[in-house]
Amino acid sequence: MDGAAQSATEGGLRIRLDEATRHLHAFFAVVPGRMPPDRAALEEALAAGGWRGARLDTATVGNFLAQCQRATEGAPVEALVGEVTDGYFEFDVSADGLSVRLDLLPAQGGREVTRDEVRAALAERGVVAEVDAAALRGAFEAGACEGLEIAAGRAPQPGTPARFESLLAPRKPLVEEDDSGRIDLRDLGTLLLVNPGTPLMRRIPARPGTDGLDVYGKVVPAPAVDDSPYADGLAGVAPDPADPQVLLAAISGSPALLPHGVSVSPVVDVEAVDMHSGNVTFDGTLRVNGDIKTGMTVRVTGDVIVSGTIEAAHVEAGGNVVVKGGIIGKAEGAHQGGDGTAALASVRCKGRLHARFIESAVVEAGTDVTVESGIRQSDVAAGRAIFAGPKGGQGNITGGRIRAKAIVRTATLGASAGIATVVQVGTNPYAEAEKTEAEAQRRQIDTDQAKVQQLVSFFAKHPEKASGDLREKARATLFKLTRDAIEVDARLAKLAEQLHPAPDAVIEVSRRIHGGVVAQIGQKSMKIMEDKPGGQFRMVEGRVALV
């Protein structure tokens, strides 16, 4: 046997440790008048040698002891019965440097690890965070641990971004007809009016976070917080002289809440939009007591409130659109315009849209589209949600194309005649077009930058050619183009995020789904071939499923 060895003897039993291999060898020679060893005698011999708890091979030990029972004088028995292992530990520092976790293995007949050795190893690694003495003591009392946190840094605490708090009273809900069929038009459409001096919004500045400290004693900076100011170009408002964080109405009109501010638009009332009034275009909110007739155009920066119907007209609003009587164009084939196209109603708004119904129309809303009864043979898109009918009540979507980022909800989807009805959720329906527009804008900026850069370089080589302040104007133009490029790149990055499918997007149908319906979530779709009871279309394991 190679290498130095230690041994222990018990009667005719002798145990030797090979220091090189850490293997335990047992030897037995018959001694007259002494009993052969059993498992207890073997354990006593191990303890005498200082190897209590050594890792033994159960099968080999059993075989060795059986041979000892059968041994005869002059025929010794020998076997490799186990090995001695020292205690072992290692620790892992988390990637963020905020946690130290310990793995501890007990000794088996060998030398035990001490707590002082663990502390010394931490110090050698540069860990200065205070060790959790109770956790370390518990690990050593248990004899082993895995992934036990024994030291921790102080995590950075996030701050609070700037918030914009509306000071406006809640808008009134839509008013239903009473038993006599009369409607108070003053309450129609949830329009809110304010007077000069009315507090509109308070900006609450950002609160910075608190830096942390990792286990090495290094500062972990708190995440940066957004401290956005009020947006530029807010109309009809002014800062409160007593508190510049508060915006007041500067004019009488209708307020519109924006992501980083609020604006106030004047309000215009008309009896109807028709040949008598002519097309309507202005900055503000429009209230129409009657109808917007076929062929007319309305473009306003505020809300459009219609107590009648919107026929096959073109309406654009910078705020919300509320139509008490519904939106109805003329079905394809029933009437065509002078250019041969179907006379569809076209309504677009940057806020929400509410109507009694939508039929033969193209509708786009920045946030939500809500109809009281149904949507028929129309192309409807919303930045967030589309609701056809009250939740749990009657409502239907029949034919056409319906698109919303988060949710489409109705009672009945499609029609028994199998009319093709396409419903898409999961992505911003406007993001692709906006991305195309932004990419074109970015290419134009690149072209302009190249031209101005050539001019700046020319003036640098020939300063005598830069008469007056031409050189400085060229540099200022180049700076502005660079800033514009950064803004467009940020916009493109945001649009790219909006094109990723939302994992929780859903199409909810409470009563019936007819054949001919195509449900699409992101780029995945599912076609319904036959009528089915209601359910929810969701993404399940990478595919569209009806659950």
Protein backbone atom coordinates (compact mmCIF):
# COMPACT_ATOMS: atom_id res chain seq x y z
CA MET A 1 0.00 0.00 0.00
CA ASP A 2 1.56 3.27 -1.19
CA GLY A 3 1.65 6.48 0.83
CA ALA A 4 1.87 7.16 4.54
CA ALA A 5 -0.75 5.43 6.67
CA GLN A 6 -2.33 5.66 10.08
CA SER A 7 -3.75 2.62 11.90
CA ALA A 8 -5.93 1.57 14.79
CA THR A 9 -6.07 -1.91 16.40
CA GLU A 10 -8.87 -3.69 18.29
CA GLY A 11 -8.03 -7.29 19.21
CA GLY A 12 -7.30 -9.12 15.97
CA LEU A 13 -8.90 -6.29 13.96
CA ARG A 14 -6.71 -3.55 12.53
CA ILE A 15 -7.83 -0.46 10.53
CA ARG A 16 -5.38 1.53 8.42
CA LEU A 17 -5.90 4.89 6.66
CA ASP A 18 -3.98 5.55 3.46
CA GLU A 19 -3.22 9.27 3.70
CA ALA A 20 -2.65 9.52 -0.06
CA THR A 21 -5.99 8.04 -1.13
CA ARG A 22 -7.95 8.59 2.11
CA HIS A 23 -9.12 4.96 1.83
CA LEU A 24 -9.76 2.80 4.93
CA HIS A 25 -8.35 -0.75 4.88
CA ALA A 26 -9.50 -3.36 7.41
CA PHE A 27 -7.35 -6.36 8.40
CA PHE A 28 -8.30 -9.27 10.65
CA ALA A 29 -6.22 -12.13 11.95
CA VAL A 30 -7.66 -14.83 14.24
CA VAL A 31 -6.53 -14.44 17.88
CA PRO A 32 -7.16 -17.52 20.03
CA GLY A 33 -9.69 -16.82 22.75
CA ARG A 34 -11.14 -13.73 21.02
CA MET A 35 -14.39 -13.44 19.11
CA PRO A 36 -14.33 -12.32 15.47
CA PRO A 37 -15.35 -8.64 15.05
CA ASP A 38 -18.90 -7.52 14.38
CA ARG A 39 -20.21 -4.14 13.12
CA ALA A 40 -19.95 -2.62 16.61
CA ALA A 41 -16.33 -3.71 16.94
CA LEU A 42 -15.59 -2.18 13.54
CA GLU A 43 -17.23 1.10 14.57
CA GLU A 44 -15.20 1.13 17.82
CA ALA A 45 -11.97 0.59 15.88
CA LEU A 46 -12.88 3.48 13.55
CA ALA A 47 -13.61 5.73 16.51
CA ALA A 48 -10.33 4.78 18.14
CA GLY A 49 -8.51 5.86 15.00
CA GLY A 50 -10.37 9.19 14.91
CA TRP A 51 -12.49 8.26 11.89
CA ARG A 52 -15.95 8.11 13.47
CA GLY A 53 -18.65 8.64 10.81
CA ALA A 54 -16.40 7.60 7.92
CA ARG A 55 -18.14 6.74 4.64
CA LEU A 56 -18.39 2.92 4.60
CA ASP A 57 -19.35 0.61 1.76
CA THR A 58 -22.17 -1.39 3.34
CA ALA A 59 -21.84 -4.36 1.02
CA THR A 60 -18.07 -4.57 1.40
CA VAL A 61 -18.27 -4.25 5.20
CA GLY A 62 -20.87 -7.01 5.39
CA ASN A 63 -18.76 -9.29 3.25
CA PHE A 64 -15.60 -8.51 5.30
CA LEU A 65 -17.34 -9.28 8.62
CA ALA A 66 -18.74 -12.52 7.21
CA GLN A 67 -15.24 -13.55 6.12
CA CYS A 68 -13.96 -12.75 9.61
CA GLN A 69 -16.52 -15.17 11.07
CA ARG A 70 -15.18 -17.92 8.82
CA ALA A 71 -11.48 -17.03 9.15
CA THR A 72 -8.98 -19.60 10.47
CA GLU A 73 -5.71 -19.12 12.27
CA GLY A 74 -2.95 -18.18 9.89
CA ALA A 75 -5.36 -16.98 7.16
CA PRO A 76 -5.88 -13.20 7.66
CA VAL A 77 -8.76 -11.31 6.02
CA GLU A 78 -8.30 -7.92 4.30
CA ALA A 79 -10.75 -5.45 2.63
CA LEU A 80 -11.11 -1.81 1.56
CA VAL A 81 -14.17 -0.93 3.64
CA GLY A 82 -14.62 2.82 3.04
CA GLU A 83 -13.03 6.22 2.87
CA VAL A 84 -12.54 9.35 4.93
CA THR A 85 -13.69 12.75 3.63
CA ASP A 86 -13.17 16.14 5.21
CA GLY A 87 -15.93 18.68 5.59
CA TYR A 88 -16.38 21.01 2.61
CA PHE A 89 -17.97 24.36 1.95
CA GLU A 90 -18.37 26.87 -0.84
CA PHE A 91 -20.36 30.06 -1.19
CA ASP A 92 -21.88 31.92 -4.10
CA VAL A 93 -22.35 35.67 -4.45
CA SER A 94 -25.44 36.60 -6.48
CA ALA A 95 -24.99 38.40 -9.81
CA ASP A 96 -26.27 41.68 -8.31
CA GLY A 97 -23.85 41.37 -5.38
CA LEU A 98 -26.66 41.57 -2.83
CA SER A 99 -26.63 38.04 -1.41
CA VAL A 100 -24.12 35.38 -0.28
CA ARG A 101 -25.37 31.78 -0.14
CA LEU A 102 -23.52 28.89 1.53
CA ASP A 103 -23.29 25.19 0.64
CA LEU A 104 -21.92 23.08 3.53
CA LEU A 105 -21.13 19.36 3.44
CA PRO A 106 -20.35 17.49 6.69
CA ALA A 107 -17.13 15.55 7.28
CA GLN A 108 -17.29 11.75 7.06
CA GLY A 109 -14.57 10.54 9.37
CA GLY A 110 -12.37 13.51 8.46
CA ARG A 111 -11.84 17.07 9.62
CA GLU A 112 -14.90 19.25 10.18
CA VAL A 113 -15.21 22.75 8.69
CA THR A 114 -15.27 25.55 11.27
CA ARG A 115 -17.28 28.76 11.26
CA ASP A 116 -14.04 30.72 11.48
CA GLU A 117 -12.90 29.14 8.19
CA VAL A 118 -16.10 30.31 6.50
CA ARG A 119 -15.68 33.82 7.86
CA ALA A 120 -12.03 33.89 6.75
CA ALA A 121 -12.98 32.76 3.24
CA LEU A 122 -15.61 35.52 3.02
CA ALA A 123 -13.07 38.12 4.09
CA GLU A 124 -10.55 36.82 1.55
CA ARG A 125 -13.22 37.18 -1.16
CA GLY A 126 -13.73 40.81 -0.13
CA VAL A 127 -17.17 40.37 1.45
CA VAL A 128 -17.67 43.04 4.12
CA ALA A 129 -21.39 42.60 4.75
CA GLU A 130 -22.24 41.41 8.26
CA VAL A 131 -22.61 37.62 8.47
CA ASP A 132 -25.93 36.31 9.76
CA ALA A 133 -24.54 34.60 12.87
CA ALA A 134 -27.80 32.80 13.66
CA ALA A 135 -28.07 31.35 10.15
CA LEU A 136 -24.42 30.26 10.19
CA ARG A 137 -24.79 28.69 13.63
CA GLY A 138 -27.91 26.84 12.53
CA ALA A 139 -26.12 25.47 9.47
CA PHE A 140 -23.25 24.08 11.55
CA GLU A 141 -25.63 22.64 14.14
CA ALA A 142 -27.52 20.90 11.34
CA GLY A 143 -24.22 19.75 9.87
CA ALA A 144 -25.07 20.70 6.31
CA CYS A 145 -26.91 23.28 4.19
CA GLU A 146 -27.53 24.15 0.56
CA GLY A 147 -28.08 27.66 -0.80
CA LEU A 148 -28.43 29.16 2.69
CA GLU A 149 -28.18 32.97 2.71
CA ILE A 150 -25.58 33.94 5.31
CA ALA A 151 -24.94 37.57 4.32
CA ALA A 152 -26.89 40.19 2.41
CA GLY A 153 -26.39 43.69 1.11
CA ARG A 154 -28.97 46.46 1.11
CA ALA A 155 -31.04 46.54 -2.05
CA PRO A 156 -31.63 49.95 -3.66
CA GLN A 157 -35.12 51.30 -3.14
CA PRO A 158 -36.90 52.61 -6.26
CA GLY A 159 -38.22 56.13 -6.27
CA THR A 160 -41.57 57.41 -7.47
CA PRO A 161 -41.85 58.93 -10.96
CA ALA A 162 -43.55 62.24 -11.50
CA ARG A 163 -47.34 61.93 -11.44
CA PHE A 164 -50.03 64.05 -13.02
CA GLU A 165 -53.14 64.16 -10.84
CA SER A 166 -56.43 65.35 -12.30
CA LEU A 167 -58.25 67.91 -10.17
CA LEU A 168 -61.40 67.69 -12.29
CA ALA A 169 -64.66 66.40 -10.88
CA PRO A 170 -65.77 63.05 -12.40
CA ARG A 171 -67.68 63.39 -15.63
CA LYS A 172 -71.39 62.62 -15.65
CA PRO A 173 -72.41 59.27 -17.17
CA LEU A 174 -74.47 58.99 -20.34
CA VAL A 175 -78.15 59.69 -19.74
CA GLU A 176 -80.77 57.14 -20.85
CA GLU A 177 -84.18 58.04 -22.24
CA ASP A 178 -86.95 58.30 -19.65
CA ASP A 179 -90.36 56.68 -20.10
CA SER A 180 -91.56 59.58 -22.24
CA GLY A 181 -88.56 59.26 -24.59
CA ARG A 182 -87.18 62.68 -23.66
CA ILE A 183 -83.45 63.35 -23.20
CA ASP A 184 -81.83 66.27 -21.39
CA LEU A 185 -79.23 67.24 -23.99
CA ARG A 186 -77.25 69.21 -21.41
CA ASP A 187 -76.21 65.90 -19.88
CA LEU A 188 -75.59 64.16 -23.19
CA GLY A 189 -72.11 62.81 -23.89
CA THR A 190 -70.32 63.40 -20.54
CA LEU A 191 -69.01 66.82 -21.63
CA LEU A 192 -67.38 68.77 -18.81
CA LEU A 193 -67.01 72.57 -19.03
CA VAL A 194 -64.69 74.73 -16.95
CA ASN A 195 -64.27 78.46 -16.35
CA PRO A 196 -61.06 80.51 -16.18
CA GLY A 197 -59.24 79.89 -12.91
CA THR A 198 -60.59 76.36 -12.41
CA PRO A 199 -57.83 74.03 -11.07
CA LEU A 200 -57.32 71.28 -13.61
CA MET A 201 -54.23 69.25 -12.78
CA ARG A 202 -51.46 68.97 -10.21
CA ARG A 203 -47.99 67.69 -11.05
CA ILE A 204 -46.39 65.74 -8.22
CA PRO A 205 -42.61 65.81 -8.78
CA ALA A 206 -40.60 62.60 -8.81
CA ARG A 207 -39.16 61.27 -5.57
CA PRO A 208 -35.68 59.81 -6.06
CA GLY A 209 -34.90 56.32 -4.84
CA THR A 210 -32.40 55.26 -2.17
CA ASP A 211 -29.04 53.76 -3.14
CA GLY A 212 -28.21 50.27 -1.93
CA LEU A 213 -24.98 48.63 -0.78
CA ASP A 214 -23.71 45.27 -2.04
CA VAL A 215 -21.92 42.66 0.06
CA TYR A 216 -18.55 44.09 -1.02
CA GLY A 217 -19.45 47.49 0.40
CA LYS A 218 -19.95 49.08 -3.01
CA VAL A 219 -22.84 51.46 -3.66
CA VAL A 220 -25.67 50.08 -5.83
CA PRO A 221 -27.35 53.11 -7.45
CA ALA A 222 -31.12 53.36 -7.22
CA PRO A 223 -32.94 53.15 -10.58
CA ALA A 224 -33.43 56.48 -12.30
CA VAL A 225 -36.96 57.86 -12.09
CA ASP A 226 -38.89 59.77 -14.71
CA ASP A 227 -39.38 63.39 -13.67
CA SER A 228 -41.27 64.53 -16.77
CA PRO A 229 -42.43 68.17 -16.78
CA TYR A 230 -45.73 69.34 -18.17
CA ALA A 231 -45.90 68.84 -21.93
CA ASP A 232 -45.15 71.79 -24.19
CA GLY A 233 -47.90 73.57 -26.09
CA LEU A 234 -50.81 72.91 -23.71
CA ALA A 235 -53.74 75.04 -24.90
CA GLY A 236 -56.15 77.03 -22.78
CA VAL A 237 -54.27 76.57 -19.49
CA ALA A 238 -51.78 78.51 -17.34
CA PRO A 239 -49.70 77.76 -14.21
CA ASP A 240 -51.17 78.76 -10.85
CA PRO A 241 -49.17 81.85 -9.69
CA ALA A 242 -49.26 80.46 -6.13
CA ASP A 243 -48.13 76.96 -7.14
CA PRO A 244 -46.49 76.36 -10.54
CA GLN A 245 -47.13 72.62 -10.20
CA VAL A 246 -50.89 73.31 -10.62
CA LEU A 247 -52.49 74.14 -13.99
CA LEU A 248 -55.54 76.41 -14.11
CA ALA A 249 -58.02 76.91 -16.93
CA ALA A 250 -57.20 80.09 -18.84
CA ILE A 251 -60.42 80.07 -20.89
CA SER A 252 -63.94 78.70 -20.69
CA GLY A 253 -64.30 75.40 -22.48
CA SER A 254 -63.97 71.63 -22.34
CA PRO A 255 -60.87 70.12 -20.66
CA ALA A 256 -59.07 67.14 -22.17
CA LEU A 257 -56.69 65.11 -20.00
CA LEU A 258 -53.37 64.27 -21.65
CA PRO A 259 -50.54 61.97 -20.47
CA HIS A 260 -48.44 64.93 -19.27
CA GLY A 261 -50.92 67.74 -18.89
CA VAL A 262 -54.38 68.99 -19.71
CA SER A 263 -55.77 71.36 -22.30
CA VAL A 264 -58.98 73.37 -22.55
CA SER A 265 -60.79 73.78 -25.85
CA PRO A 266 -63.65 76.15 -26.60
CA VAL A 267 -67.03 74.57 -27.40
CA VAL A 268 -69.15 75.24 -30.49
CA ASP A 269 -72.86 74.27 -30.76
CA VAL A 270 -74.60 73.62 -34.12
CA GLU A 271 -78.05 72.29 -34.91
CA ALA A 272 -76.75 69.94 -37.60
CA VAL A 273 -73.80 69.49 -39.91
CA ASP A 274 -75.30 69.58 -43.38
CA MET A 275 -75.29 71.63 -46.55
CA HIS A 276 -76.64 74.58 -44.59
CA SER A 277 -73.76 74.66 -42.10
CA GLY A 278 -71.05 73.46 -44.51
CA ASN A 279 -68.04 71.42 -43.41
CA VAL A 280 -66.76 72.16 -39.90
CA THR A 281 -63.06 72.61 -39.06
CA PHE A 282 -61.80 74.35 -35.90
CA ASP A 283 -59.83 74.02 -32.69
CA GLY A 284 -62.22 73.05 -29.94
CA THR A 285 -65.20 70.83 -29.10
CA LEU A 286 -68.26 70.43 -31.30
CA ARG A 287 -71.78 69.71 -30.05
CA VAL A 288 -74.29 68.75 -32.73
CA ASN A 289 -77.93 68.81 -31.67
CA GLY A 290 -79.05 66.88 -34.76
CA ASP A 291 -77.23 64.73 -37.33
CA ILE A 292 -74.00 64.86 -39.24
CA LYS A 293 -75.28 64.24 -42.74
CA THR A 294 -73.88 62.11 -45.56
CA GLY A 295 -70.96 63.65 -47.40
CA MET A 296 -70.08 66.22 -44.73
CA THR A 297 -66.66 66.59 -43.06
CA VAL A 298 -65.91 67.50 -39.45
CA ARG A 299 -62.39 68.08 -38.13
CA VAL A 300 -61.96 69.37 -34.57
CA THR A 301 -59.19 69.18 -31.96
CA GLY A 302 -61.59 68.51 -29.06
CA ASP A 303 -64.65 66.27 -28.57
CA VAL A 304 -67.55 65.64 -30.96
CA ILE A 305 -70.92 65.22 -29.21
CA VAL A 306 -73.80 64.20 -31.52
CA SER A 307 -77.35 63.85 -30.26
CA GLY A 308 -78.53 62.35 -33.55
CA THR A 309 -76.62 60.08 -35.93
CA ILE A 310 -73.45 60.24 -37.97
CA GLU A 311 -74.33 59.19 -41.50
CA ALA A 312 -71.82 58.47 -44.30
CA ALA A 313 -69.73 61.45 -43.25
CA HIS A 314 -66.08 61.95 -42.34
CA VAL A 315 -65.39 62.91 -38.71
CA GLU A 316 -62.00 63.48 -37.05
CA ALA A 317 -61.67 64.48 -33.38
CA GLY A 318 -58.66 65.14 -31.19
CA GLY A 319 -60.66 64.06 -28.13
CA ASN A 320 -63.70 61.79 -27.66
CA VAL A 321 -66.69 61.06 -29.91
CA VAL A 322 -70.14 60.41 -28.39
CA VAL A 323 -73.04 59.59 -30.73
CA LYS A 324 -76.46 59.14 -29.13
CA GLY A 325 -78.13 57.85 -32.28
CA GLY A 326 -75.38 55.69 -33.74
CA ILE A 327 -73.05 55.65 -36.75
CA ILE A 328 -74.47 54.35 -40.02
CA GLY A 329 -73.02 54.51 -43.50
CA LYS A 330 -74.55 53.03 -46.64
CA ALA A 331 -73.90 49.36 -47.30
CA GLU A 332 -71.69 48.58 -50.28
CA GLY A 333 -73.82 48.31 -53.39
CA ALA A 334 -76.66 50.38 -51.92
CA HIS A 335 -74.99 53.66 -52.77
CA GLN A 336 -71.66 54.75 -54.16
CA GLY A 337 -69.91 58.05 -54.18
CA GLY A 338 -68.85 59.87 -57.29
CA ASP A 339 -65.52 58.05 -57.32
CA GLY A 340 -67.21 54.64 -57.33
CA THR A 341 -66.48 53.83 -53.67
CA ALA A 342 -69.04 52.74 -51.09
CA ALA A 343 -70.39 55.59 -48.95
CA LEU A 344 -69.11 54.33 -45.59
CA ALA A 345 -69.16 56.44 -42.45
CA SER A 346 -65.61 57.35 -41.34
CA VAL A 347 -64.99 58.36 -37.72
CA ARG A 348 -61.58 58.79 -36.13
CA CYS A 349 -60.73 60.12 -32.66
CA LYS A 350 -57.71 60.15 -30.36
CA GLY A 351 -59.78 59.43 -27.26
CA ARG A 352 -62.73 57.08 -26.73
CA LEU A 353 -65.83 56.56 -28.87
CA HIS A 354 -69.36 55.77 -27.65
CA ALA A 355 -72.33 55.09 -29.93
CA ARG A 356 -75.64 53.27 -29.86
CA PHE A 357 -74.54 51.14 -32.83
CA ILE A 358 -72.06 51.08 -35.72
CA GLU A 359 -72.97 49.89 -39.20
CA SER A 360 -71.13 50.15 -42.55
CA ALA A 361 -68.43 52.36 -41.06
CA VAL A 362 -64.69 52.74 -40.58
CA VAL A 363 -64.06 53.68 -36.94
CA GLU A 364 -60.73 54.34 -35.21
CA ALA A 365 -60.39 55.32 -31.54
CA GLY A 366 -57.24 56.02 -29.55
CA THR A 367 -58.50 54.19 -26.44
CA ASP A 368 -61.91 52.45 -26.28
CA VAL A 369 -64.92 51.87 -28.55
CA THR A 370 -68.21 51.17 -26.76
CA VAL A 371 -71.52 50.48 -28.52
CA GLU A 372 -74.83 49.85 -26.77
CA SER A 373 -76.17 47.27 -29.24
CA GLY A 374 -73.89 46.03 -32.00
CA ILE A 375 -71.33 46.47 -34.78
CA ARG A 376 -72.22 45.32 -38.28
CA GLN A 377 -70.11 45.11 -41.46
CA SER A 378 -67.60 47.67 -40.23
CA ASP A 379 -63.86 48.12 -39.79
CA VAL A 380 -63.37 49.15 -36.15
CA ALA A 381 -60.02 49.68 -34.39
CA ALA A 382 -59.23 50.77 -30.82
CA GLY A 383 -55.97 51.40 -29.00
CA ARG A 384 -57.20 49.44 -25.96
CA ALA A 385 -60.66 47.84 -25.98
CA ILE A 386 -63.89 47.34 -27.97
CA PHE A 387 -67.17 46.56 -26.17
CA ALA A 388 -70.35 45.63 -28.08
CA GLY A 389 -73.29 45.67 -25.69
CA PRO A 390 -73.26 45.80 -21.87
CA LYS A 391 -71.35 43.10 -20.02
CA GLY A 392 -73.61 40.11 -19.50
CA GLY A 393 -76.31 41.61 -21.77
CA GLN A 394 -77.11 41.59 -25.48
CA GLY A 395 -74.61 42.77 -28.04
CA ASN A 396 -73.27 41.51 -31.35
CA ILE A 397 -70.43 41.90 -33.83
CA THR A 398 -71.34 40.76 -37.34
CA GLY A 399 -69.02 40.86 -40.33
CA GLY A 400 -66.10 43.16 -41.05
CA ARG A 401 -62.84 43.53 -39.14
CA ILE A 402 -62.45 44.38 -35.44
CA ARG A 403 -59.05 45.25 -33.92
CA ALA A 404 -58.05 46.20 -30.36
CA LYS A 405 -54.86 45.86 -28.36
CA ALA A 406 -56.22 44.40 -25.10
CA ILE A 407 -59.81 43.10 -25.33
CA VAL A 408 -62.85 42.70 -27.57
CA ARG A 409 -66.07 41.78 -25.72
CA THR A 410 -69.52 40.95 -27.07
CA ALA A 411 -72.41 38.55 -26.52
CA THR A 412 -72.63 37.18 -30.09
CA LEU A 413 -69.81 37.03 -32.61
CA GLY A 414 -70.48 36.43 -36.31
CA ALA A 415 -73.81 35.40 -37.86
CA SER A 416 -75.63 32.14 -38.59
CA ALA A 417 -75.16 32.74 -42.32
CA GLY A 418 -71.41 32.32 -41.84
CA ILE A 419 -70.56 35.96 -42.63
CA ALA A 420 -66.80 36.44 -42.48
CA THR A 421 -65.92 38.23 -39.24
CA VAL A 422 -62.31 38.88 -38.28
CA VAL A 423 -61.40 39.90 -34.72
CA GLN A 424 -57.80 40.73 -33.81
CA VAL A 425 -56.29 41.56 -30.39
CA GLY A 426 -52.84 41.60 -28.86
CA THR A 427 -51.07 44.42 -30.73
CA ASN A 428 -51.64 48.14 -31.19
CA PRO A 429 -53.62 48.34 -34.45
CA TYR A 430 -52.00 51.68 -35.28
CA ALA A 431 -48.40 50.84 -34.45
CA GLU A 432 -47.45 49.41 -37.85
CA ALA A 433 -48.66 52.47 -39.77
CA GLU A 434 -47.03 54.81 -37.24
CA LYS A 435 -43.79 52.81 -37.50
CA THR A 436 -43.82 53.14 -41.30
CA GLU A 437 -44.38 56.89 -41.00
CA ALA A 438 -41.59 57.25 -38.41
CA GLU A 439 -39.17 55.22 -40.55
CA ALA A 440 -39.87 57.50 -43.52
CA GLN A 441 -39.30 60.52 -41.29
CA ARG A 442 -35.99 59.01 -40.08
CA ARG A 443 -34.81 58.48 -43.66
CA GLN A 444 -35.63 62.09 -44.51
CA ILE A 445 -33.67 63.28 -41.46
CA ASP A 446 -30.67 61.20 -42.59
CA THR A 447 -30.86 62.79 -46.05
CA ASP A 448 -31.11 66.30 -44.60
CA GLN A 449 -28.27 65.63 -42.16
CA ALA A 450 -25.98 64.51 -44.97
CA LYS A 451 -26.68 67.69 -46.95
CA VAL A 452 -26.16 70.02 -43.99
CA GLN A 453 -23.03 68.14 -42.92
CA GLN A 454 -21.57 68.74 -46.37
CA LEU A 455 -22.33 72.45 -46.02
CA VAL A 456 -20.76 72.61 -42.54
CA SER A 457 -17.64 70.81 -43.81
CA PHE A 458 -17.40 73.19 -46.79
CA PHE A 459 -17.58 76.26 -44.54
CA ALA A 460 -14.92 74.73 -42.25
CA LYS A 461 -12.54 74.47 -45.22
CA HIS A 462 -13.56 77.78 -46.80
CA PRO A 463 -14.59 80.14 -43.98
CA GLU A 464 -14.43 83.06 -46.39
CA LYS A 465 -17.48 81.62 -48.20
CA ALA A 466 -19.64 81.76 -45.03
CA SER A 467 -20.99 85.26 -45.39
CA GLY A 468 -22.86 86.65 -42.41
CA ASP A 469 -24.06 83.98 -39.97
CA LEU A 470 -24.52 81.20 -42.56
CA ARG A 471 -21.98 78.98 -40.81
CA GLU A 472 -23.72 79.26 -37.43
CA LYS A 473 -27.13 78.68 -39.01
CA ALA A 474 -25.83 75.51 -40.66
CA ARG A 475 -24.46 74.25 -37.34
CA ALA A 476 -27.74 75.04 -35.57
CA THR A 477 -29.67 73.19 -38.26
CA LEU A 478 -27.37 70.16 -37.91
CA PHE A 479 -27.87 70.19 -34.13
CA LYS A 480 -31.66 70.31 -34.55
CA LEU A 481 -31.61 67.44 -37.04
CA THR A 482 -29.52 65.36 -34.61
CA ARG A 483 -32.02 66.04 -31.82
CA ASP A 484 -34.92 65.16 -34.14
CA ALA A 485 -33.18 61.88 -35.05
CA ILE A 486 -32.87 60.94 -31.36
CA GLU A 487 -36.57 61.66 -30.80
CA VAL A 488 -37.63 59.58 -33.83
CA ASP A 489 -35.37 56.69 -32.73
CA ALA A 490 -37.03 56.72 -29.30
CA ARG A 491 -40.45 56.73 -30.95
CA LEU A 492 -39.45 53.77 -33.17
CA ALA A 493 -38.25 51.82 -30.14
CA LYS A 494 -41.57 52.43 -28.37
CA LEU A 495 -43.55 51.38 -31.45
CA ALA A 496 -41.48 48.20 -31.75
CA GLU A 497 -42.54 47.29 -28.20
CA GLN A 498 -46.20 47.90 -29.08
CA LEU A 499 -45.94 45.40 -31.95
CA HIS A 500 -45.11 42.58 -29.53
CA PRO A 501 -48.30 40.59 -28.72
CA ALA A 502 -49.78 41.33 -25.28
CA PRO A 503 -49.83 37.99 -23.39
CA ASP A 504 -53.13 38.74 -21.63
CA ALA A 505 -55.08 39.90 -24.71
CA VAL A 506 -58.52 38.28 -24.93
CA ILE A 507 -61.65 38.04 -27.08
CA GLU A 508 -64.68 37.48 -24.81
CA VAL A 509 -67.94 36.12 -26.23
CA SER A 510 -70.60 35.44 -23.62
CA ARG A 511 -73.34 33.71 -25.69
CA ARG A 512 -72.63 32.41 -29.21
CA ILE A 513 -69.77 32.18 -31.73
CA HIS A 514 -70.87 31.51 -35.30
CA GLY A 515 -68.98 29.76 -38.07
CA GLY A 516 -66.96 32.07 -40.29
CA VAL A 517 -65.32 33.88 -37.37
CA VAL A 518 -61.53 34.28 -37.43
CA ALA A 519 -59.96 35.08 -34.04
CA GLN A 520 -56.42 36.46 -34.22
CA ILE A 521 -54.05 37.20 -31.31
CA GLY A 522 -50.82 38.77 -32.47
CA GLN A 523 -49.73 36.77 -35.53
CA LYS A 524 -51.60 33.59 -34.51
CA SER A 525 -55.16 32.91 -35.64
CA MET A 526 -57.98 30.42 -35.26
CA LYS A 527 -60.96 29.98 -37.62
CA ILE A 528 -64.32 28.77 -36.35
CA MET A 529 -65.96 26.41 -38.85
CA GLU A 530 -69.24 25.75 -37.03
CA ASP A 531 -71.38 27.44 -34.40
CA LYS A 532 -70.13 27.17 -30.83
CA PRO A 533 -71.24 28.41 -27.41
CA GLY A 534 -69.53 31.48 -26.01
CA GLY A 535 -66.06 31.47 -24.51
CA GLN A 536 -62.77 33.31 -24.47
CA PHE A 537 -60.08 33.28 -27.15
CA ARG A 538 -56.65 33.42 -25.45
CA MET A 539 -53.05 32.48 -26.19
CA VAL A 540 -52.37 29.06 -24.66
CA GLU A 541 -48.93 27.47 -25.17
CA GLY A 542 -48.15 29.58 -28.21
CA ARG A 543 -51.47 29.13 -30.04
CA VAL A 544 -54.94 30.67 -30.06
CA ALA A 545 -57.37 28.58 -28.01
CA LEU A 546 -61.06 28.87 -27.17
CA VAL A 547 -61.43 28.33 -23.44
